[in-house]
Amino acid sequence: MKAKAAGLEDDDLIAATFGKETKEDLSETELAYADKLVKLMQEKVNTINERDARARAFIARGKKLYAKGGYGESIPAFESAIECTTADTLVGGEASMWLSLSLGGSGKGGEGSN
């Protein structure tokens, strides 16, 4: 992701992965491996995007309940969001923050483990 953000094109990134200047410098074996690697990485990105979309849906549900004063009722939604993702992501951090707020608002603030 950092390479893409820095402006590297897919072919440049693939070449750099193998220590080559251009994709044309890759052997047939390296090209075949690169194709497999790109496919695996895209599958991983898709999995993460789907996971985070599920977490965001739970967060949105929890925030609606929280906004209506349903602090205790929002806790399961935020817990479900946390189960969908990991704490070291932006979405996971947001879910943890909202869970903490809900626990505090419901008087269960000492129960949070995140």
N, C-alpha and C. Protein backbone atom coordinates (compact mmCIF):
# COMPACT_ATOMS: atom_id res chain seq x y z
N MET A 1 0.81 -1.20 0.00
CA MET A 1 0.00 0.00 0.00
C MET A 1 0.85 1.26 0.00
N LYS A 2 1.96 1.24 0.75
CA LYS A 2 2.81 2.42 0.79
C LYS A 2 3.42 2.70 -0.58
N ALA A 3 3.79 1.63 -1.29
CA ALA A 3 4.37 1.81 -2.62
C ALA A 3 3.34 2.40 -3.58
N LYS A 4 2.10 1.91 -3.48
CA LYS A 4 1.04 2.45 -4.33
C LYS A 4 0.78 3.91 -3.99
N ALA A 5 0.80 4.23 -2.71
CA ALA A 5 0.58 5.61 -2.28
C ALA A 5 1.71 6.52 -2.75
N ALA A 6 2.91 5.94 -2.88
CA ALA A 6 4.06 6.73 -3.33
C ALA A 6 4.07 6.88 -4.85
N GLY A 7 3.10 6.27 -5.53
CA GLY A 7 2.99 6.45 -6.97
C GLY A 7 3.56 5.32 -7.81
N LEU A 8 3.97 4.22 -7.21
CA LEU A 8 4.48 3.10 -8.00
C LEU A 8 3.32 2.40 -8.70
N GLU A 9 3.51 2.10 -9.96
CA GLU A 9 2.52 1.35 -10.72
C GLU A 9 2.66 -0.12 -10.38
N ASP A 10 1.63 -0.91 -10.70
CA ASP A 10 1.66 -2.34 -10.38
C ASP A 10 2.90 -3.02 -10.95
N ASP A 11 3.21 -2.77 -12.22
CA ASP A 11 4.36 -3.41 -12.85
C ASP A 11 5.67 -3.02 -12.17
N ASP A 12 5.80 -1.77 -11.78
CA ASP A 12 7.00 -1.31 -11.08
C ASP A 12 7.13 -1.99 -9.71
N LEU A 13 6.01 -2.13 -9.04
CA LEU A 13 5.99 -2.77 -7.73
C LEU A 13 6.38 -4.24 -7.84
N ILE A 14 5.84 -4.92 -8.84
CA ILE A 14 6.19 -6.32 -9.06
C ILE A 14 7.67 -6.46 -9.36
N ALA A 15 8.20 -5.63 -10.23
CA ALA A 15 9.62 -5.68 -10.56
C ALA A 15 10.47 -5.43 -9.32
N ALA A 16 10.12 -4.43 -8.54
CA ALA A 16 10.88 -4.10 -7.33
C ALA A 16 10.86 -5.24 -6.33
N THR A 17 9.76 -5.96 -6.26
CA THR A 17 9.65 -7.10 -5.35
C THR A 17 10.73 -8.14 -5.64
N PHE A 18 11.07 -8.28 -6.92
CA PHE A 18 12.09 -9.24 -7.34
C PHE A 18 13.46 -8.60 -7.53
N GLY A 19 13.59 -7.33 -7.15
CA GLY A 19 14.87 -6.65 -7.27
C GLY A 19 15.24 -6.30 -8.70
N LYS A 20 14.25 -6.12 -9.55
CA LYS A 20 14.48 -5.80 -10.97
C LYS A 20 14.01 -4.38 -11.25
N GLU A 21 14.52 -3.85 -12.34
CA GLU A 21 14.16 -2.48 -12.73
C GLU A 21 12.77 -2.41 -13.35
N THR A 22 12.46 -3.36 -14.23
CA THR A 22 11.16 -3.36 -14.92
C THR A 22 10.58 -4.77 -14.91
N LYS A 23 9.31 -4.87 -15.19
CA LYS A 23 8.65 -6.17 -15.24
C LYS A 23 9.22 -7.01 -16.39
N GLU A 24 9.67 -6.35 -17.44
CA GLU A 24 10.24 -7.06 -18.58
C GLU A 24 11.53 -7.79 -18.22
N ASP A 25 12.17 -7.39 -17.12
CA ASP A 25 13.42 -8.04 -16.68
C ASP A 25 13.16 -9.34 -15.93
N LEU A 26 11.91 -9.66 -15.65
CA LEU A 26 11.58 -10.86 -14.89
C LEU A 26 11.63 -12.10 -15.78
N SER A 27 12.06 -13.22 -15.20
CA SER A 27 12.05 -14.49 -15.91
C SER A 27 10.61 -15.01 -15.96
N GLU A 28 10.40 -16.05 -16.77
CA GLU A 28 9.07 -16.66 -16.85
C GLU A 28 8.63 -17.19 -15.49
N THR A 29 9.56 -17.78 -14.77
CA THR A 29 9.25 -18.31 -13.43
C THR A 29 8.85 -17.18 -12.49
N GLU A 30 9.60 -16.08 -12.54
CA GLU A 30 9.28 -14.93 -11.69
C GLU A 30 7.93 -14.33 -12.07
N LEU A 31 7.65 -14.27 -13.37
CA LEU A 31 6.35 -13.75 -13.82
C LEU A 31 5.20 -14.62 -13.32
N ALA A 32 5.38 -15.93 -13.40
CA ALA A 32 4.34 -16.84 -12.93
C ALA A 32 4.13 -16.68 -11.43
N TYR A 33 5.23 -16.58 -10.69
CA TYR A 33 5.14 -16.38 -9.25
C TYR A 33 4.49 -15.04 -8.93
N ALA A 34 4.86 -14.02 -9.69
CA ALA A 34 4.29 -12.68 -9.48
C ALA A 34 2.78 -12.69 -9.69
N ASP A 35 2.32 -13.40 -10.71
CA ASP A 35 0.88 -13.49 -10.96
C ASP A 35 0.16 -14.13 -9.78
N LYS A 36 0.75 -15.21 -9.24
CA LYS A 36 0.16 -15.87 -8.08
C LYS A 36 0.15 -14.94 -6.87
N LEU A 37 1.26 -14.22 -6.69
CA LEU A 37 1.38 -13.31 -5.56
C LEU A 37 0.35 -12.18 -5.66
N VAL A 38 0.19 -11.61 -6.83
CA VAL A 38 -0.79 -10.54 -7.02
C VAL A 38 -2.20 -11.05 -6.74
N LYS A 39 -2.50 -12.27 -7.20
CA LYS A 39 -3.83 -12.85 -6.96
C LYS A 39 -4.05 -13.05 -5.46
N LEU A 40 -3.08 -13.59 -4.76
CA LEU A 40 -3.21 -13.80 -3.32
C LEU A 40 -3.38 -12.49 -2.57
N MET A 41 -2.62 -11.48 -2.95
CA MET A 41 -2.72 -10.18 -2.29
C MET A 41 -4.09 -9.55 -2.54
N GLN A 42 -4.61 -9.68 -3.76
CA GLN A 42 -5.93 -9.12 -4.05
C GLN A 42 -7.01 -9.83 -3.25
N GLU A 43 -6.88 -11.16 -3.11
CA GLU A 43 -7.83 -11.90 -2.28
C GLU A 43 -7.77 -11.42 -0.83
N LYS A 44 -6.57 -11.17 -0.33
CA LYS A 44 -6.40 -10.67 1.04
C LYS A 44 -7.04 -9.29 1.20
N VAL A 45 -6.82 -8.42 0.24
CA VAL A 45 -7.41 -7.08 0.28
C VAL A 45 -8.93 -7.18 0.27
N ASN A 46 -9.47 -8.05 -0.58
CA ASN A 46 -10.93 -8.23 -0.64
C ASN A 46 -11.48 -8.74 0.68
N THR A 47 -10.78 -9.69 1.28
CA THR A 47 -11.21 -10.24 2.57
C THR A 47 -11.23 -9.16 3.65
N ILE A 48 -10.18 -8.35 3.69
CA ILE A 48 -10.11 -7.27 4.67
C ILE A 48 -11.21 -6.24 4.44
N ASN A 49 -11.44 -5.90 3.18
CA ASN A 49 -12.50 -4.92 2.88
C ASN A 49 -13.87 -5.44 3.29
N GLU A 50 -14.14 -6.73 3.04
CA GLU A 50 -15.41 -7.32 3.44
C GLU A 50 -15.55 -7.34 4.96
N ARG A 51 -14.47 -7.73 5.63
CA ARG A 51 -14.45 -7.79 7.09
C ARG A 51 -14.73 -6.42 7.68
N ASP A 52 -14.04 -5.41 7.16
CA ASP A 52 -14.22 -4.06 7.68
C ASP A 52 -15.60 -3.50 7.36
N ALA A 53 -16.18 -3.89 6.22
CA ALA A 53 -17.54 -3.44 5.89
C ALA A 53 -18.54 -4.01 6.90
N ARG A 54 -18.36 -5.27 7.28
CA ARG A 54 -19.24 -5.86 8.30
C ARG A 54 -19.07 -5.13 9.62
N ALA A 55 -17.84 -4.86 9.99
CA ALA A 55 -17.57 -4.15 11.25
C ALA A 55 -18.20 -2.76 11.22
N ARG A 56 -18.07 -2.05 10.09
CA ARG A 56 -18.66 -0.71 9.98
C ARG A 56 -20.17 -0.74 10.13
N ALA A 57 -20.80 -1.80 9.60
CA ALA A 57 -22.26 -1.93 9.73
C ALA A 57 -22.64 -2.10 11.20
N PHE A 58 -21.89 -2.91 11.94
CA PHE A 58 -22.17 -3.07 13.37
C PHE A 58 -21.92 -1.75 14.12
N ILE A 59 -20.87 -1.03 13.74
CA ILE A 59 -20.57 0.25 14.38
C ILE A 59 -21.72 1.23 14.13
N ALA A 60 -22.20 1.29 12.91
CA ALA A 60 -23.31 2.20 12.59
C ALA A 60 -24.54 1.86 13.40
N ARG A 61 -24.83 0.57 13.54
CA ARG A 61 -25.98 0.13 14.34
C ARG A 61 -25.79 0.55 15.80
N GLY A 62 -24.61 0.32 16.31
CA GLY A 62 -24.32 0.68 17.70
C GLY A 62 -24.40 2.18 17.94
N LYS A 63 -23.90 2.95 16.98
CA LYS A 63 -23.93 4.41 17.13
C LYS A 63 -25.36 4.94 17.15
N LYS A 64 -26.24 4.33 16.36
CA LYS A 64 -27.65 4.75 16.37
C LYS A 64 -28.27 4.49 17.74
N LEU A 65 -28.00 3.32 18.28
CA LEU A 65 -28.53 3.01 19.62
C LEU A 65 -27.93 3.94 20.66
N TYR A 66 -26.64 4.17 20.57
CA TYR A 66 -25.96 5.04 21.52
C TYR A 66 -26.53 6.45 21.46
N ALA A 67 -26.77 6.95 20.26
CA ALA A 67 -27.30 8.32 20.08
C ALA A 67 -28.69 8.48 20.69
N LYS A 68 -29.42 7.38 20.79
CA LYS A 68 -30.77 7.42 21.38
C LYS A 68 -30.72 7.15 22.88
N GLY A 69 -29.51 7.08 23.43
CA GLY A 69 -29.38 6.83 24.86
C GLY A 69 -29.36 5.36 25.23
N GLY A 70 -29.34 4.48 24.24
CA GLY A 70 -29.32 3.05 24.49
C GLY A 70 -27.90 2.53 24.66
N TYR A 71 -27.24 3.04 25.68
CA TYR A 71 -25.82 2.69 25.89
C TYR A 71 -25.63 1.19 26.07
N GLY A 72 -26.39 0.60 26.95
CA GLY A 72 -26.28 -0.83 27.18
C GLY A 72 -26.67 -1.66 25.96
N GLU A 73 -27.69 -1.20 25.25
CA GLU A 73 -28.15 -1.91 24.06
C GLU A 73 -27.15 -1.82 22.91
N SER A 74 -26.30 -0.81 22.93
CA SER A 74 -25.32 -0.66 21.85
C SER A 74 -24.09 -1.54 22.05
N ILE A 75 -23.88 -2.02 23.25
CA ILE A 75 -22.67 -2.81 23.56
C ILE A 75 -22.53 -4.03 22.65
N PRO A 76 -23.58 -4.86 22.46
CA PRO A 76 -23.40 -6.03 21.58
C PRO A 76 -23.00 -5.68 20.15
N ALA A 77 -23.50 -4.56 19.65
CA ALA A 77 -23.14 -4.15 18.28
C ALA A 77 -21.65 -3.83 18.19
N PHE A 78 -21.14 -3.11 19.17
CA PHE A 78 -19.72 -2.78 19.16
C PHE A 78 -18.85 -4.01 19.41
N GLU A 79 -19.32 -4.91 20.25
CA GLU A 79 -18.59 -6.16 20.47
C GLU A 79 -18.55 -6.99 19.18
N SER A 80 -19.65 -7.01 18.46
CA SER A 80 -19.69 -7.74 17.18
C SER A 80 -18.73 -7.11 16.17
N ALA A 81 -18.67 -5.79 16.16
CA ALA A 81 -17.74 -5.10 15.26
C ALA A 81 -16.31 -5.49 15.58
N ILE A 82 -15.98 -5.55 16.85
CA ILE A 82 -14.63 -5.92 17.27
C ILE A 82 -14.31 -7.35 16.84
N GLU A 83 -15.29 -8.24 16.91
CA GLU A 83 -15.09 -9.62 16.49
C GLU A 83 -14.84 -9.73 14.99
N CYS A 84 -15.35 -8.79 14.21
CA CYS A 84 -15.18 -8.82 12.76
C CYS A 84 -13.79 -8.40 12.30
N THR A 85 -13.12 -7.61 13.08
CA THR A 85 -11.87 -6.99 12.63
C THR A 85 -10.80 -7.16 13.70
N THR A 86 -9.72 -6.42 13.56
CA THR A 86 -8.64 -6.49 14.55
C THR A 86 -8.45 -5.11 15.19
N ALA A 87 -7.96 -5.11 16.40
CA ALA A 87 -7.83 -3.87 17.16
C ALA A 87 -6.78 -2.93 16.58
N ASP A 88 -5.87 -3.45 15.76
CA ASP A 88 -4.80 -2.61 15.23
C ASP A 88 -5.16 -1.94 13.91
N THR A 89 -6.45 -1.89 13.60
CA THR A 89 -6.92 -1.19 12.40
C THR A 89 -7.74 0.03 12.81
N LEU A 90 -7.94 0.91 11.89
CA LEU A 90 -8.75 2.10 12.15
C LEU A 90 -10.17 1.69 12.55
N VAL A 91 -10.73 0.74 11.84
CA VAL A 91 -12.10 0.29 12.14
C VAL A 91 -12.14 -0.40 13.51
N GLY A 92 -11.16 -1.24 13.79
CA GLY A 92 -11.10 -1.91 15.08
C GLY A 92 -10.94 -0.92 16.22
N GLY A 93 -10.11 0.08 16.01
CA GLY A 93 -9.93 1.12 17.02
C GLY A 93 -11.20 1.91 17.26
N GLU A 94 -11.92 2.20 16.18
CA GLU A 94 -13.19 2.93 16.33
C GLU A 94 -14.20 2.10 17.11
N ALA A 95 -14.27 0.82 16.78
CA ALA A 95 -15.21 -0.06 17.50
C ALA A 95 -14.85 -0.14 18.98
N SER A 96 -13.57 -0.24 19.28
CA SER A 96 -13.13 -0.30 20.68
C SER A 96 -13.46 0.99 21.43
N MET A 97 -13.27 2.12 20.76
CA MET A 97 -13.58 3.40 21.38
C MET A 97 -15.07 3.50 21.70
N TRP A 98 -15.92 3.12 20.73
CA TRP A 98 -17.36 3.20 20.96
C TRP A 98 -17.81 2.20 22.02
N LEU A 99 -17.18 1.03 22.06
CA LEU A 99 -17.51 0.07 23.10
C LEU A 99 -17.19 0.66 24.48
N SER A 100 -16.05 1.28 24.57
CA SER A 100 -15.65 1.90 25.83
C SER A 100 -16.65 2.97 26.25
N LEU A 101 -17.05 3.80 25.31
CA LEU A 101 -18.04 4.84 25.61
C LEU A 101 -19.36 4.24 26.05
N SER A 102 -19.78 3.17 25.38
CA SER A 102 -21.04 2.52 25.73
C SER A 102 -20.97 1.88 27.10
N LEU A 103 -19.85 1.24 27.39
CA LEU A 103 -19.69 0.64 28.71
C LEU A 103 -19.72 1.71 29.80
N GLY A 104 -19.05 2.83 29.56
CA GLY A 104 -19.05 3.93 30.51
C GLY A 104 -20.44 4.52 30.69
N GLY A 105 -21.13 4.72 29.57
CA GLY A 105 -22.47 5.30 29.62
C GLY A 105 -23.49 4.40 30.29
N SER A 106 -23.25 3.09 30.22
CA SER A 106 -24.20 2.15 30.82
C SER A 106 -23.84 1.80 32.26
N GLY A 107 -22.72 2.37 32.74
CA GLY A 107 -22.31 2.09 34.09
C GLY A 107 -21.48 0.82 34.22
N LYS A 108 -21.07 0.27 33.10
CA LYS A 108 -20.27 -0.96 33.10
C LYS A 108 -18.83 -0.68 32.72
N GLY A 109 -18.38 0.53 32.94
CA GLY A 109 -17.07 0.97 32.50
C GLY A 109 -15.89 0.15 32.98
N GLY A 110 -16.00 -0.47 34.13
CA GLY A 110 -14.91 -1.28 34.67
C GLY A 110 -14.80 -2.64 34.02
N GLU A 111 -15.77 -3.01 33.14
CA GLU A 111 -15.78 -4.34 32.55
C GLU A 111 -15.00 -4.41 31.25
N GLY A 112 -14.66 -3.31 30.63
CA GLY A 112 -14.00 -3.30 29.33
C GLY A 112 -12.61 -3.88 29.38
N SER A 113 -12.28 -4.70 28.39
CA SER A 113 -10.94 -5.29 28.35
C SER A 113 -10.12 -4.73 27.20
N ASN A 114 -10.71 -3.87 26.37
CA ASN A 114 -9.99 -3.32 25.20
C ASN A 114 -9.41 -1.98 25.49
